[in-house]
Amino acid sequence: MEELSSALNSHMDQMADLVEKFSAEMRSSLRPAYDNFIGFFHAIDWTYFAFFCVVRY
């Protein structure tokens, strides 16, 4: 029973490490896309006419 408990704890530790590494990789991969979106958002002239053209077409 002790072996099973030890193996289960080891597996859970490995899975927690894997999830942590995966989430860190996803955050670092999504950062450039976020920066591009923010850059696009700031580059648009958000006056009424420009906003109307973007929304209408």
N, C-alpha and C. Protein backbone atom coordinates (compact mmCIF):
# COMPACT_ATOMS: atom_id res chain seq x y z
N MET A 1 0.83 -1.19 0.00
CA MET A 1 0.00 0.00 0.00
C MET A 1 0.87 1.26 0.00
N GLU A 2 1.98 1.17 0.70
CA GLU A 2 2.90 2.32 0.77
C GLU A 2 3.50 2.62 -0.61
N GLU A 3 3.79 1.56 -1.38
CA GLU A 3 4.34 1.76 -2.73
C GLU A 3 3.33 2.48 -3.63
N LEU A 4 2.08 2.07 -3.52
CA LEU A 4 1.04 2.69 -4.33
C LEU A 4 0.88 4.17 -3.97
N SER A 5 0.88 4.46 -2.70
CA SER A 5 0.76 5.84 -2.24
C SER A 5 1.96 6.68 -2.72
N SER A 6 3.14 6.12 -2.64
CA SER A 6 4.35 6.81 -3.08
C SER A 6 4.31 7.04 -4.59
N ALA A 7 3.88 6.05 -5.36
CA ALA A 7 3.80 6.19 -6.82
C ALA A 7 2.75 7.23 -7.20
N LEU A 8 1.63 7.22 -6.50
CA LEU A 8 0.58 8.19 -6.78
C LEU A 8 1.05 9.62 -6.47
N ASN A 9 1.72 9.80 -5.35
CA ASN A 9 2.25 11.12 -5.01
C ASN A 9 3.29 11.58 -6.02
N SER A 10 4.14 10.67 -6.46
CA SER A 10 5.14 11.00 -7.47
C SER A 10 4.48 11.41 -8.78
N HIS A 11 3.45 10.67 -9.17
CA HIS A 11 2.71 10.99 -10.40
C HIS A 11 2.04 12.35 -10.29
N MET A 12 1.43 12.63 -9.17
CA MET A 12 0.77 13.92 -8.99
C MET A 12 1.79 15.07 -9.03
N ASP A 13 2.97 14.87 -8.46
CA ASP A 13 4.01 15.89 -8.52
C ASP A 13 4.46 16.13 -9.95
N GLN A 14 4.62 15.06 -10.71
CA GLN A 14 5.01 15.18 -12.12
C GLN A 14 3.94 15.91 -12.92
N MET A 15 2.68 15.59 -12.68
CA MET A 15 1.59 16.24 -13.40
C MET A 15 1.50 17.72 -13.04
N ALA A 16 1.69 18.06 -11.78
CA ALA A 16 1.66 19.46 -11.37
C ALA A 16 2.80 20.23 -12.04
N ASP A 17 3.97 19.61 -12.12
CA ASP A 17 5.11 20.25 -12.79
C ASP A 17 4.83 20.43 -14.28
N LEU A 18 4.23 19.43 -14.89
CA LEU A 18 3.89 19.50 -16.32
C LEU A 18 2.88 20.61 -16.59
N VAL A 19 1.86 20.72 -15.77
CA VAL A 19 0.85 21.77 -15.94
C VAL A 19 1.48 23.14 -15.74
N GLU A 20 2.35 23.26 -14.76
CA GLU A 20 3.03 24.53 -14.51
C GLU A 20 3.89 24.95 -15.70
N LYS A 21 4.65 24.00 -16.25
CA LYS A 21 5.49 24.31 -17.41
C LYS A 21 4.64 24.64 -18.63
N PHE A 22 3.55 23.91 -18.83
CA PHE A 22 2.67 24.16 -19.97
C PHE A 22 2.04 25.54 -19.88
N SER A 23 1.56 25.92 -18.71
CA SER A 23 0.93 27.23 -18.57
C SER A 23 1.96 28.36 -18.75
N ALA A 24 3.17 28.16 -18.28
CA ALA A 24 4.22 29.17 -18.47
C ALA A 24 4.55 29.31 -19.96
N GLU A 25 4.59 28.20 -20.68
CA GLU A 25 4.86 28.24 -22.12
C GLU A 25 3.73 28.93 -22.87
N MET A 26 2.50 28.67 -22.48
CA MET A 26 1.36 29.32 -23.13
C MET A 26 1.38 30.82 -22.88
N ARG A 27 1.70 31.24 -21.66
CA ARG A 27 1.76 32.67 -21.37
C ARG A 27 2.84 33.35 -22.19
N SER A 28 3.99 32.71 -22.32
CA SER A 28 5.07 33.33 -23.10
C SER A 28 4.76 33.32 -24.59
N SER A 29 3.99 32.35 -25.06
CA SER A 29 3.63 32.29 -26.48
C SER A 29 2.53 33.28 -26.82
N LEU A 30 1.64 33.55 -25.91
CA LEU A 30 0.54 34.46 -26.18
C LEU A 30 0.92 35.93 -26.03
N ARG A 31 2.04 36.20 -25.40
CA ARG A 31 2.44 37.59 -25.17
C ARG A 31 2.63 38.37 -26.48
N PRO A 32 3.31 37.83 -27.51
CA PRO A 32 3.44 38.59 -28.76
C PRO A 32 2.10 38.88 -29.43
N ALA A 33 1.17 37.96 -29.37
CA ALA A 33 -0.16 38.19 -29.96
C ALA A 33 -0.87 39.31 -29.20
N TYR A 34 -0.76 39.31 -27.90
CA TYR A 34 -1.36 40.36 -27.08
C TYR A 34 -0.73 41.72 -27.41
N ASP A 35 0.59 41.75 -27.52
CA ASP A 35 1.27 43.00 -27.85
C ASP A 35 0.85 43.52 -29.22
N ASN A 36 0.69 42.62 -30.20
CA ASN A 36 0.24 43.04 -31.53
C ASN A 36 -1.17 43.61 -31.49
N PHE A 37 -2.05 42.99 -30.72
CA PHE A 37 -3.42 43.48 -30.61
C PHE A 37 -3.45 44.86 -29.97
N ILE A 38 -2.69 45.03 -28.91
CA ILE A 38 -2.66 46.33 -28.23
C ILE A 38 -2.07 47.39 -29.15
N GLY A 39 -1.03 47.03 -29.91
CA GLY A 39 -0.46 47.96 -30.87
C GLY A 39 -1.47 48.37 -31.93
N PHE A 40 -2.23 47.41 -32.43
CA PHE A 40 -3.28 47.69 -33.42
C PHE A 40 -4.34 48.60 -32.81
N PHE A 41 -4.74 48.31 -31.60
CA PHE A 41 -5.77 49.09 -30.93
C PHE A 41 -5.33 50.54 -30.75
N HIS A 42 -4.07 50.74 -30.38
CA HIS A 42 -3.56 52.10 -30.17
C HIS A 42 -3.30 52.83 -31.49
N ALA A 43 -3.10 52.10 -32.58
CA ALA A 43 -2.79 52.73 -33.86
C ALA A 43 -4.04 53.27 -34.56
N ILE A 44 -5.22 52.80 -34.19
CA ILE A 44 -6.45 53.23 -34.86
C ILE A 44 -6.89 54.59 -34.34
N ASP A 45 -7.31 55.43 -35.26
CA ASP A 45 -7.90 56.72 -34.91
C ASP A 45 -9.35 56.43 -34.49
N TRP A 46 -9.62 56.49 -33.20
CA TRP A 46 -10.93 56.09 -32.70
C TRP A 46 -11.92 57.25 -32.66
N THR A 47 -11.82 58.17 -33.62
CA THR A 47 -12.85 59.20 -33.72
C THR A 47 -14.14 58.54 -34.20
N TYR A 48 -15.21 59.27 -34.16
CA TYR A 48 -16.51 58.70 -34.50
C TYR A 48 -16.53 58.16 -35.93
N PHE A 49 -16.01 58.90 -36.89
CA PHE A 49 -16.06 58.48 -38.28
C PHE A 49 -15.25 57.20 -38.50
N ALA A 50 -14.05 57.15 -37.96
CA ALA A 50 -13.22 55.96 -38.13
C ALA A 50 -13.88 54.76 -37.46
N PHE A 51 -14.42 54.96 -36.29
CA PHE A 51 -15.09 53.87 -35.58
C PHE A 51 -16.29 53.38 -36.37
N PHE A 52 -17.05 54.30 -36.94
CA PHE A 52 -18.22 53.94 -37.73
C PHE A 52 -17.81 53.12 -38.95
N CYS A 53 -16.72 53.49 -39.61
CA CYS A 53 -16.25 52.75 -40.78
C CYS A 53 -15.81 51.34 -40.41
N VAL A 54 -15.13 51.18 -39.30
CA VAL A 54 -14.67 49.86 -38.87
C VAL A 54 -15.86 48.97 -38.52
N VAL A 55 -16.83 49.52 -37.83
CA VAL A 55 -17.99 48.74 -37.40
C VAL A 55 -18.92 48.43 -38.57
N ARG A 56 -19.10 49.39 -39.46
CA ARG A 56 -20.05 49.21 -40.55
C ARG A 56 -19.54 48.23 -41.58
N TYR A 57 -18.27 48.27 -41.89
CA TYR A 57 -17.72 47.42 -42.95
C TYR A 57 -16.91 46.38 -42.33
